[in-house]
Amino acid sequence: FNRDGSLDSTFNPVIPGAGLGVLSLVVQADGKILVGGNFTSLAGQSRNYLGRLKADGSLDPDFNPNANNLVSSLAVQPDGKILVGGNFTALGGQARSHIGRLYPDGTVDPDFYTAANDTVNCVAVQPDGKILLGGLFTSLASQSRTNLGRLNADGSLDAGFNPGAAGLYS
């Protein structure tokens, strides 16, 4: 949309489309748009579940992290690193269990490794840098956390946050 709320007819990255659905969008500081979902093509090019568009809606050819399953949530940390949540077990060819972090260029951050035992449906970064996660999981970083948990900015579990949520949070 344009700033006045009218449709921006020049922005049309979904023809031929994003296949089966877009579930998450995040705009980076440089205006590029991260797109996550249940698709294997974006703007007519092969992209598995995660891709990036330039501000004009064209595909960013240099960004292809290649998740192996659905990406349901994206968030950008203040340093530009990208948090990815979903139902994947590999990101950028590396084992990542439902949560991962990418550098701004789309490569996997090897220093951020934690795991959830099931789908992460939502990711949010708090002002203090801590990372809230919601989803279908019952374990986060090998500790019992039902549907809701929090990580420190480095990916370690925030042991002081355990609300004991019951039910699905997304």
N, C-alpha and C. Protein backbone atom coordinates (compact mmCIF):
# COMPACT_ATOMS: atom_id res chain seq x y z
N PHE A 1 0.83 -1.18 0.00
CA PHE A 1 0.00 0.00 0.00
C PHE A 1 0.88 1.25 0.00
N ASN A 2 0.35 2.33 -0.55
CA ASN A 2 1.01 3.62 -0.49
C ASN A 2 0.75 4.22 0.88
N ARG A 3 1.49 5.26 1.22
CA ARG A 3 1.34 5.91 2.53
C ARG A 3 -0.08 6.42 2.77
N ASP A 4 -0.79 6.78 1.70
CA ASP A 4 -2.16 7.29 1.86
C ASP A 4 -3.20 6.17 1.95
N GLY A 5 -2.76 4.90 1.92
CA GLY A 5 -3.66 3.77 2.03
C GLY A 5 -4.13 3.20 0.72
N SER A 6 -3.81 3.85 -0.39
CA SER A 6 -4.20 3.33 -1.69
C SER A 6 -3.28 2.17 -2.09
N LEU A 7 -3.78 1.32 -2.97
CA LEU A 7 -3.03 0.16 -3.42
C LEU A 7 -1.85 0.59 -4.28
N ASP A 8 -0.67 0.04 -4.00
CA ASP A 8 0.52 0.27 -4.81
C ASP A 8 0.50 -0.74 -5.95
N SER A 9 0.04 -0.32 -7.10
CA SER A 9 -0.13 -1.23 -8.24
C SER A 9 1.20 -1.67 -8.85
N THR A 10 2.31 -1.03 -8.49
CA THR A 10 3.61 -1.42 -9.02
C THR A 10 4.24 -2.55 -8.23
N PHE A 11 3.70 -2.86 -7.05
CA PHE A 11 4.26 -3.90 -6.19
C PHE A 11 3.40 -5.16 -6.36
N ASN A 12 3.95 -6.17 -7.06
CA ASN A 12 3.18 -7.38 -7.29
C ASN A 12 4.10 -8.59 -7.37
N PRO A 13 4.73 -8.98 -6.24
CA PRO A 13 5.68 -10.08 -6.27
C PRO A 13 5.04 -11.45 -6.31
N VAL A 14 3.73 -11.56 -6.12
CA VAL A 14 3.10 -12.87 -6.00
C VAL A 14 2.60 -13.42 -7.32
N ILE A 15 2.95 -12.81 -8.43
CA ILE A 15 2.60 -13.39 -9.72
C ILE A 15 3.91 -13.81 -10.37
N PRO A 16 4.16 -15.07 -10.58
CA PRO A 16 3.30 -16.21 -10.42
C PRO A 16 3.07 -16.68 -8.99
N GLY A 17 3.68 -16.05 -8.03
CA GLY A 17 3.17 -16.28 -6.70
C GLY A 17 4.06 -16.98 -5.72
N ALA A 18 3.50 -17.10 -4.55
CA ALA A 18 4.15 -17.74 -3.42
C ALA A 18 3.49 -19.07 -3.14
N GLY A 19 2.98 -19.71 -4.14
CA GLY A 19 2.50 -21.08 -4.02
C GLY A 19 1.39 -21.27 -3.00
N LEU A 20 1.70 -21.88 -1.88
CA LEU A 20 0.69 -22.32 -0.93
C LEU A 20 0.40 -21.34 0.20
N GLY A 21 1.12 -20.25 0.32
CA GLY A 21 0.75 -19.27 1.32
C GLY A 21 1.89 -18.58 2.02
N VAL A 22 1.69 -17.30 2.29
CA VAL A 22 2.61 -16.49 3.06
C VAL A 22 2.07 -16.40 4.48
N LEU A 23 2.91 -16.71 5.45
CA LEU A 23 2.49 -16.71 6.85
C LEU A 23 3.14 -15.59 7.67
N SER A 24 4.26 -15.05 7.19
CA SER A 24 4.94 -14.02 7.96
C SER A 24 5.68 -13.07 7.02
N LEU A 25 5.60 -11.78 7.34
CA LEU A 25 6.32 -10.73 6.62
C LEU A 25 7.01 -9.82 7.62
N VAL A 26 8.23 -9.45 7.33
CA VAL A 26 8.96 -8.50 8.17
C VAL A 26 9.76 -7.59 7.25
N VAL A 27 9.69 -6.30 7.50
CA VAL A 27 10.48 -5.34 6.72
C VAL A 27 11.78 -5.05 7.48
N GLN A 28 12.89 -5.23 6.79
CA GLN A 28 14.20 -4.94 7.38
C GLN A 28 14.48 -3.44 7.31
N ALA A 29 15.48 -3.01 8.06
CA ALA A 29 15.83 -1.59 8.13
C ALA A 29 16.16 -1.01 6.75
N ASP A 30 16.69 -1.83 5.84
CA ASP A 30 17.04 -1.36 4.50
C ASP A 30 15.86 -1.38 3.53
N GLY A 31 14.65 -1.72 4.03
CA GLY A 31 13.46 -1.74 3.21
C GLY A 31 13.17 -3.07 2.53
N LYS A 32 14.10 -4.02 2.61
CA LYS A 32 13.85 -5.34 2.03
C LYS A 32 12.82 -6.08 2.89
N ILE A 33 12.08 -6.98 2.26
CA ILE A 33 10.95 -7.64 2.90
C ILE A 33 11.22 -9.14 3.01
N LEU A 34 11.31 -9.63 4.24
CA LEU A 34 11.45 -11.05 4.48
C LEU A 34 10.08 -11.70 4.38
N VAL A 35 10.01 -12.85 3.71
CA VAL A 35 8.75 -13.55 3.49
C VAL A 35 8.93 -15.01 3.92
N GLY A 36 8.08 -15.45 4.85
CA GLY A 36 8.10 -16.84 5.28
C GLY A 36 6.73 -17.45 5.09
N GLY A 37 6.70 -18.76 4.89
CA GLY A 37 5.41 -19.40 4.71
C GLY A 37 5.51 -20.84 4.29
N ASN A 38 4.48 -21.26 3.56
CA ASN A 38 4.35 -22.63 3.07
C ASN A 38 4.38 -22.57 1.55
N PHE A 39 5.56 -22.29 1.00
CA PHE A 39 5.71 -22.14 -0.45
C PHE A 39 7.05 -22.69 -0.90
N THR A 40 7.14 -22.98 -2.17
CA THR A 40 8.40 -23.42 -2.76
C THR A 40 8.82 -22.54 -3.93
N SER A 41 8.04 -21.47 -4.17
CA SER A 41 8.49 -20.47 -5.13
C SER A 41 8.00 -19.11 -4.68
N LEU A 42 8.78 -18.11 -4.98
CA LEU A 42 8.45 -16.74 -4.62
C LEU A 42 8.86 -15.86 -5.80
N ALA A 43 7.95 -15.02 -6.25
CA ALA A 43 8.20 -14.15 -7.41
C ALA A 43 8.71 -14.96 -8.60
N GLY A 44 8.16 -16.17 -8.76
CA GLY A 44 8.49 -17.00 -9.90
C GLY A 44 9.80 -17.75 -9.82
N GLN A 45 10.49 -17.66 -8.69
CA GLN A 45 11.77 -18.35 -8.53
C GLN A 45 11.68 -19.36 -7.40
N SER A 46 12.49 -20.37 -7.46
CA SER A 46 12.51 -21.40 -6.42
C SER A 46 13.00 -20.80 -5.09
N ARG A 47 12.18 -20.89 -4.09
CA ARG A 47 12.53 -20.48 -2.72
C ARG A 47 11.76 -21.38 -1.78
N ASN A 48 12.46 -22.14 -0.97
CA ASN A 48 11.83 -23.07 -0.05
C ASN A 48 11.49 -22.41 1.27
N TYR A 49 10.23 -22.01 1.40
CA TYR A 49 9.62 -21.56 2.64
C TYR A 49 10.11 -20.21 3.17
N LEU A 50 11.17 -19.66 2.59
CA LEU A 50 11.73 -18.41 3.08
C LEU A 50 12.45 -17.70 1.95
N GLY A 51 12.15 -16.41 1.79
CA GLY A 51 12.82 -15.62 0.77
C GLY A 51 12.81 -14.16 1.14
N ARG A 52 13.36 -13.35 0.27
CA ARG A 52 13.39 -11.91 0.53
C ARG A 52 13.12 -11.16 -0.76
N LEU A 53 12.30 -10.14 -0.63
CA LEU A 53 11.99 -9.25 -1.75
C LEU A 53 12.70 -7.93 -1.55
N LYS A 54 13.09 -7.31 -2.65
CA LYS A 54 13.59 -5.94 -2.58
C LYS A 54 12.41 -5.02 -2.33
N ALA A 55 12.66 -3.79 -1.99
CA ALA A 55 11.59 -2.84 -1.67
C ALA A 55 10.61 -2.66 -2.84
N ASP A 56 11.07 -2.88 -4.06
CA ASP A 56 10.19 -2.73 -5.22
C ASP A 56 9.36 -3.98 -5.51
N GLY A 57 9.55 -5.05 -4.71
CA GLY A 57 8.79 -6.28 -4.89
C GLY A 57 9.48 -7.35 -5.71
N SER A 58 10.63 -7.03 -6.26
CA SER A 58 11.38 -8.04 -7.02
C SER A 58 12.15 -8.93 -6.04
N LEU A 59 12.42 -10.14 -6.47
CA LEU A 59 13.13 -11.11 -5.64
C LEU A 59 14.57 -10.68 -5.40
N ASP A 60 15.04 -10.84 -4.18
CA ASP A 60 16.45 -10.64 -3.86
C ASP A 60 17.17 -11.94 -4.20
N PRO A 61 17.93 -11.99 -5.29
CA PRO A 61 18.53 -13.25 -5.73
C PRO A 61 19.64 -13.76 -4.82
N ASP A 62 20.17 -12.89 -3.96
CA ASP A 62 21.28 -13.27 -3.10
C ASP A 62 20.85 -13.86 -1.76
N PHE A 63 19.55 -13.93 -1.49
CA PHE A 63 19.04 -14.41 -0.21
C PHE A 63 18.25 -15.70 -0.44
N ASN A 64 18.81 -16.83 -0.01
CA ASN A 64 18.14 -18.11 -0.20
C ASN A 64 18.54 -19.09 0.90
N PRO A 65 18.00 -18.91 2.13
CA PRO A 65 18.39 -19.76 3.25
C PRO A 65 17.85 -21.20 3.21
N ASN A 66 16.87 -21.47 2.35
CA ASN A 66 16.43 -22.83 2.09
C ASN A 66 16.04 -23.61 3.35
N ALA A 67 14.91 -23.28 3.94
CA ALA A 67 14.36 -24.07 5.03
C ALA A 67 13.79 -25.35 4.44
N ASN A 68 13.72 -26.43 5.24
CA ASN A 68 13.22 -27.69 4.70
C ASN A 68 11.74 -27.93 5.02
N ASN A 69 11.08 -26.94 5.63
CA ASN A 69 9.65 -27.04 5.89
C ASN A 69 9.14 -25.65 6.25
N LEU A 70 7.88 -25.57 6.53
CA LEU A 70 7.14 -24.33 6.78
C LEU A 70 7.85 -23.35 7.72
N VAL A 71 7.85 -22.08 7.33
CA VAL A 71 8.32 -20.98 8.16
C VAL A 71 7.09 -20.16 8.54
N SER A 72 6.79 -20.11 9.84
CA SER A 72 5.57 -19.44 10.29
C SER A 72 5.81 -18.09 10.94
N SER A 73 7.06 -17.80 11.31
CA SER A 73 7.30 -16.54 12.00
C SER A 73 8.71 -16.03 11.74
N LEU A 74 8.81 -14.71 11.63
CA LEU A 74 10.09 -14.04 11.42
C LEU A 74 10.17 -12.83 12.33
N ALA A 75 11.35 -12.51 12.78
CA ALA A 75 11.59 -11.29 13.55
C ALA A 75 13.02 -10.85 13.28
N VAL A 76 13.24 -9.55 13.34
CA VAL A 76 14.58 -9.01 13.13
C VAL A 76 15.06 -8.39 14.43
N GLN A 77 16.25 -8.80 14.86
CA GLN A 77 16.85 -8.25 16.06
C GLN A 77 17.47 -6.88 15.76
N PRO A 78 17.71 -6.07 16.78
CA PRO A 78 18.28 -4.73 16.55
C PRO A 78 19.60 -4.74 15.76
N ASP A 79 20.39 -5.82 15.87
CA ASP A 79 21.64 -5.91 15.12
C ASP A 79 21.45 -6.40 13.68
N GLY A 80 20.19 -6.61 13.27
CA GLY A 80 19.89 -7.03 11.91
C GLY A 80 19.79 -8.53 11.71
N LYS A 81 20.17 -9.31 12.72
CA LYS A 81 20.05 -10.76 12.58
C LYS A 81 18.57 -11.15 12.55
N ILE A 82 18.30 -12.24 11.82
CA ILE A 82 16.93 -12.65 11.52
C ILE A 82 16.58 -13.92 12.29
N LEU A 83 15.53 -13.86 13.09
CA LEU A 83 15.03 -15.03 13.81
C LEU A 83 13.96 -15.69 12.96
N VAL A 84 14.02 -17.01 12.87
CA VAL A 84 13.11 -17.78 12.03
C VAL A 84 12.48 -18.87 12.88
N GLY A 85 11.15 -18.93 12.89
CA GLY A 85 10.44 -19.98 13.60
C GLY A 85 9.53 -20.73 12.66
N GLY A 86 9.30 -22.01 12.94
CA GLY A 86 8.41 -22.77 12.08
C GLY A 86 8.42 -24.25 12.40
N ASN A 87 8.21 -25.03 11.34
CA ASN A 87 8.12 -26.48 11.47
C ASN A 87 9.29 -27.16 10.76
N PHE A 88 10.39 -26.48 10.60
CA PHE A 88 11.55 -27.00 9.88
C PHE A 88 12.51 -27.71 10.83
N THR A 89 13.36 -28.55 10.25
CA THR A 89 14.43 -29.19 11.01
C THR A 89 15.80 -28.89 10.41
N ALA A 90 15.80 -28.12 9.33
CA ALA A 90 17.06 -27.69 8.72
C ALA A 90 16.86 -26.31 8.12
N LEU A 91 17.88 -25.50 8.25
CA LEU A 91 17.87 -24.13 7.74
C LEU A 91 19.26 -23.89 7.17
N GLY A 92 19.32 -23.48 5.91
CA GLY A 92 20.62 -23.26 5.28
C GLY A 92 21.50 -24.49 5.26
N GLY A 93 20.88 -25.67 5.18
CA GLY A 93 21.63 -26.92 5.15
C GLY A 93 22.16 -27.38 6.50
N GLN A 94 21.81 -26.66 7.56
CA GLN A 94 22.27 -27.03 8.90
C GLN A 94 21.07 -27.43 9.76
N ALA A 95 21.29 -28.37 10.66
CA ALA A 95 20.23 -28.81 11.56
C ALA A 95 19.80 -27.65 12.46
N ARG A 96 18.52 -27.34 12.41
CA ARG A 96 17.92 -26.33 13.27
C ARG A 96 16.50 -26.81 13.55
N SER A 97 16.18 -27.01 14.80
CA SER A 97 14.92 -27.62 15.19
C SER A 97 13.87 -26.56 15.55
N HIS A 98 13.14 -26.11 14.54
CA HIS A 98 11.99 -25.22 14.68
C HIS A 98 12.32 -23.77 15.02
N ILE A 99 13.58 -23.46 15.33
CA ILE A 99 13.99 -22.08 15.59
C ILE A 99 15.44 -21.93 15.11
N GLY A 100 15.71 -20.83 14.45
CA GLY A 100 17.06 -20.58 13.99
C GLY A 100 17.30 -19.09 13.83
N ARG A 101 18.55 -18.74 13.59
CA ARG A 101 18.88 -17.34 13.37
C ARG A 101 19.82 -17.23 12.18
N LEU A 102 19.55 -16.23 11.36
CA LEU A 102 20.34 -15.97 10.17
C LEU A 102 21.04 -14.63 10.30
N TYR A 103 22.18 -14.52 9.66
CA TYR A 103 22.80 -13.22 9.48
C TYR A 103 21.98 -12.46 8.44
N PRO A 104 22.12 -11.15 8.35
CA PRO A 104 21.35 -10.39 7.36
C PRO A 104 21.52 -10.86 5.91
N ASP A 105 22.64 -11.52 5.59
CA ASP A 105 22.85 -12.02 4.23
C ASP A 105 22.17 -13.36 3.97
N GLY A 106 21.53 -13.95 5.01
CA GLY A 106 20.81 -15.21 4.85
C GLY A 106 21.58 -16.45 5.26
N THR A 107 22.83 -16.29 5.66
CA THR A 107 23.58 -17.46 6.13
C THR A 107 23.23 -17.73 7.59
N VAL A 108 23.33 -19.00 7.98
CA VAL A 108 22.97 -19.42 9.32
C VAL A 108 24.01 -18.93 10.33
N ASP A 109 23.51 -18.41 11.44
CA ASP A 109 24.38 -17.98 12.54
C ASP A 109 24.76 -19.23 13.34
N PRO A 110 26.02 -19.68 13.26
CA PRO A 110 26.41 -20.91 13.95
C PRO A 110 26.45 -20.78 15.48
N ASP A 111 26.47 -19.55 15.97
CA ASP A 111 26.53 -19.33 17.42
C ASP A 111 25.17 -19.38 18.09
N PHE A 112 24.10 -19.43 17.29
CA PHE A 112 22.75 -19.49 17.84
C PHE A 112 22.20 -20.87 17.56
N TYR A 113 22.24 -21.71 18.58
CA TYR A 113 21.68 -23.04 18.41
C TYR A 113 20.89 -23.40 19.65
N THR A 114 19.62 -23.46 19.47
CA THR A 114 18.71 -23.95 20.49
C THR A 114 17.65 -24.75 19.76
N ALA A 115 16.81 -25.45 20.46
CA ALA A 115 15.84 -26.29 19.77
C ALA A 115 14.51 -26.30 20.51
N ALA A 116 13.45 -26.41 19.74
CA ALA A 116 12.13 -26.68 20.28
C ALA A 116 11.74 -28.06 19.75
N ASN A 117 10.91 -28.77 20.50
CA ASN A 117 10.55 -30.12 20.06
C ASN A 117 9.33 -30.15 19.13
N ASP A 118 8.77 -29.01 18.82
CA ASP A 118 7.67 -28.94 17.87
C ASP A 118 7.61 -27.51 17.32
N THR A 119 6.62 -27.24 16.51
CA THR A 119 6.50 -26.00 15.75
C THR A 119 6.55 -24.74 16.62
N VAL A 120 7.32 -23.76 16.15
CA VAL A 120 7.34 -22.42 16.73
C VAL A 120 6.50 -21.56 15.80
N ASN A 121 5.35 -21.09 16.30
CA ASN A 121 4.42 -20.31 15.48
C ASN A 121 4.65 -18.81 15.54
N CYS A 122 5.24 -18.32 16.60
CA CYS A 122 5.47 -16.88 16.70
C CYS A 122 6.76 -16.59 17.43
N VAL A 123 7.42 -15.54 16.98
CA VAL A 123 8.68 -15.07 17.54
C VAL A 123 8.58 -13.56 17.70
N ALA A 124 8.98 -13.05 18.86
CA ALA A 124 8.99 -11.61 19.09
C ALA A 124 10.23 -11.25 19.88
N VAL A 125 10.83 -10.11 19.54
CA VAL A 125 12.01 -9.63 20.24
C VAL A 125 11.58 -8.52 21.20
N GLN A 126 11.91 -8.69 22.47
CA GLN A 126 11.60 -7.67 23.47
C GLN A 126 12.61 -6.53 23.39
N PRO A 127 12.29 -5.36 23.95
CA PRO A 127 13.23 -4.24 23.94
C PRO A 127 14.58 -4.57 24.60
N ASP A 128 14.59 -5.49 25.58
CA ASP A 128 15.84 -5.87 26.24
C ASP A 128 16.62 -6.92 25.45
N GLY A 129 16.13 -7.32 24.28
CA GLY A 129 16.81 -8.28 23.43
C GLY A 129 16.39 -9.73 23.64
N LYS A 130 15.63 -9.99 24.68
CA LYS A 130 15.17 -11.36 24.90
C LYS A 130 14.13 -11.73 23.85
N ILE A 131 14.02 -13.03 23.60
CA ILE A 131 13.21 -13.54 22.49
C ILE A 131 12.07 -14.38 23.02
N LEU A 132 10.84 -13.95 22.76
CA LEU A 132 9.66 -14.71 23.14
C LEU A 132 9.28 -15.66 22.01
N LEU A 133 8.91 -16.89 22.37
CA LEU A 133 8.50 -17.89 21.40
C LEU A 133 7.16 -18.48 21.83
N GLY A 134 6.28 -18.69 20.88
CA GLY A 134 5.02 -19.37 21.14
C GLY A 134 4.79 -20.42 20.08
N GLY A 135 4.13 -21.50 20.46
CA GLY A 135 3.86 -22.54 19.47
C GLY A 135 3.33 -23.81 20.07
N LEU A 136 3.63 -24.91 19.41
CA LEU A 136 3.12 -26.22 19.79
C LEU A 136 4.10 -27.02 20.64
N PHE A 137 5.23 -26.46 20.96
CA PHE A 137 6.29 -27.18 21.65
C PHE A 137 5.97 -27.43 23.13
N THR A 138 6.60 -28.47 23.67
CA THR A 138 6.55 -28.75 25.11
C THR A 138 7.95 -28.77 25.71
N SER A 139 8.94 -28.58 24.84
CA SER A 139 10.33 -28.53 25.28
C SER A 139 11.05 -27.45 24.48
N LEU A 140 11.82 -26.64 25.19
CA LEU A 140 12.61 -25.58 24.57
C LEU A 140 13.99 -25.61 25.20
N ALA A 141 15.02 -25.70 24.39
CA ALA A 141 16.39 -25.79 24.89
C ALA A 141 16.52 -26.93 25.90
N SER A 142 15.89 -28.04 25.59
CA SER A 142 15.91 -29.26 26.41
C SER A 142 15.29 -29.10 27.80
N GLN A 143 14.48 -28.06 27.96
CA GLN A 143 13.78 -27.85 29.23
C GLN A 143 12.28 -27.82 28.97
N SER A 144 11.51 -28.22 29.95
CA SER A 144 10.07 -28.23 29.81
C SER A 144 9.53 -26.81 29.70
N ARG A 145 8.89 -26.53 28.58
CA ARG A 145 8.21 -25.26 28.34
C ARG A 145 7.02 -25.58 27.46
N THR A 146 5.83 -25.33 27.95
CA THR A 146 4.62 -25.67 27.21
C THR A 146 4.07 -24.46 26.49
N ASN A 147 4.25 -24.45 25.19
CA ASN A 147 3.68 -23.48 24.27
C ASN A 147 4.23 -22.06 24.35
N LEU A 148 4.95 -21.73 25.38
CA LEU A 148 5.45 -20.37 25.55
C LEU A 148 6.78 -20.42 26.28
N GLY A 149 7.77 -19.74 25.73
CA GLY A 149 9.08 -19.71 26.36
C GLY A 149 9.83 -18.45 25.98
N ARG A 150 10.95 -18.25 26.64
CA ARG A 150 11.76 -17.07 26.34
C ARG A 150 13.23 -17.46 26.33
N LEU A 151 13.92 -16.92 25.34
CA LEU A 151 15.36 -17.11 25.21
C LEU A 151 16.07 -15.81 25.50
N ASN A 152 17.31 -15.91 25.94
CA ASN A 152 18.18 -14.75 26.01
C ASN A 152 18.62 -14.42 24.58
N ALA A 153 19.16 -13.25 24.38
CA ALA A 153 19.54 -12.81 23.04
C ALA A 153 20.53 -13.76 22.36
N ASP A 154 21.32 -14.49 23.14
CA ASP A 154 22.29 -15.43 22.57
C ASP A 154 21.69 -16.80 22.24
N GLY A 155 20.40 -16.99 22.53
CA GLY A 155 19.73 -18.25 22.23
C GLY A 155 19.64 -19.20 23.40
N SER A 156 20.27 -18.86 24.51
CA SER A 156 20.14 -19.71 25.70
C SER A 156 18.77 -19.49 26.34
N LEU A 157 18.30 -20.50 27.05
CA LEU A 157 17.00 -20.42 27.69
C LEU A 157 17.01 -19.41 28.83
N ASP A 158 15.99 -18.58 28.91
CA ASP A 158 15.79 -17.70 30.05
C ASP A 158 15.09 -18.54 31.13
N ALA A 159 15.87 -19.10 32.03
CA ALA A 159 15.34 -20.03 33.03
C ALA A 159 14.35 -19.37 33.99
N GLY A 160 14.40 -18.05 34.12
CA GLY A 160 13.50 -17.35 35.03
C GLY A 160 12.13 -17.10 34.46
N PHE A 161 11.92 -17.48 33.20
CA PHE A 161 10.62 -17.24 32.54
C PHE A 161 9.98 -18.58 32.24
N ASN A 162 8.98 -18.95 33.02
CA ASN A 162 8.27 -20.20 32.80
C ASN A 162 6.83 -20.04 33.23
N PRO A 163 6.00 -19.42 32.37
CA PRO A 163 4.62 -19.13 32.76
C PRO A 163 3.72 -20.34 32.83
N GLY A 164 4.20 -21.51 32.37
CA GLY A 164 3.37 -22.70 32.43
C GLY A 164 2.12 -22.60 31.59
N ALA A 165 2.23 -22.05 30.41
CA ALA A 165 1.06 -21.88 29.53
C ALA A 165 0.52 -23.23 29.11
N ALA A 166 -0.79 -23.30 28.98
CA ALA A 166 -1.45 -24.51 28.48
C ALA A 166 -2.27 -24.13 27.27
N GLY A 167 -2.19 -24.93 26.25
CA GLY A 167 -2.93 -24.63 25.02
C GLY A 167 -2.01 -24.06 23.97
N LEU A 168 -2.55 -23.79 22.82
CA LEU A 168 -1.79 -23.32 21.68
C LEU A 168 -1.68 -21.80 21.69
N TYR A 169 -0.45 -21.31 21.55
CA TYR A 169 -0.20 -19.87 21.41
C TYR A 169 0.36 -19.65 20.04
N SER A 170 -0.25 -18.77 19.29
CA SER A 170 0.30 -18.46 17.97
C SER A 170 -0.05 -17.05 17.58
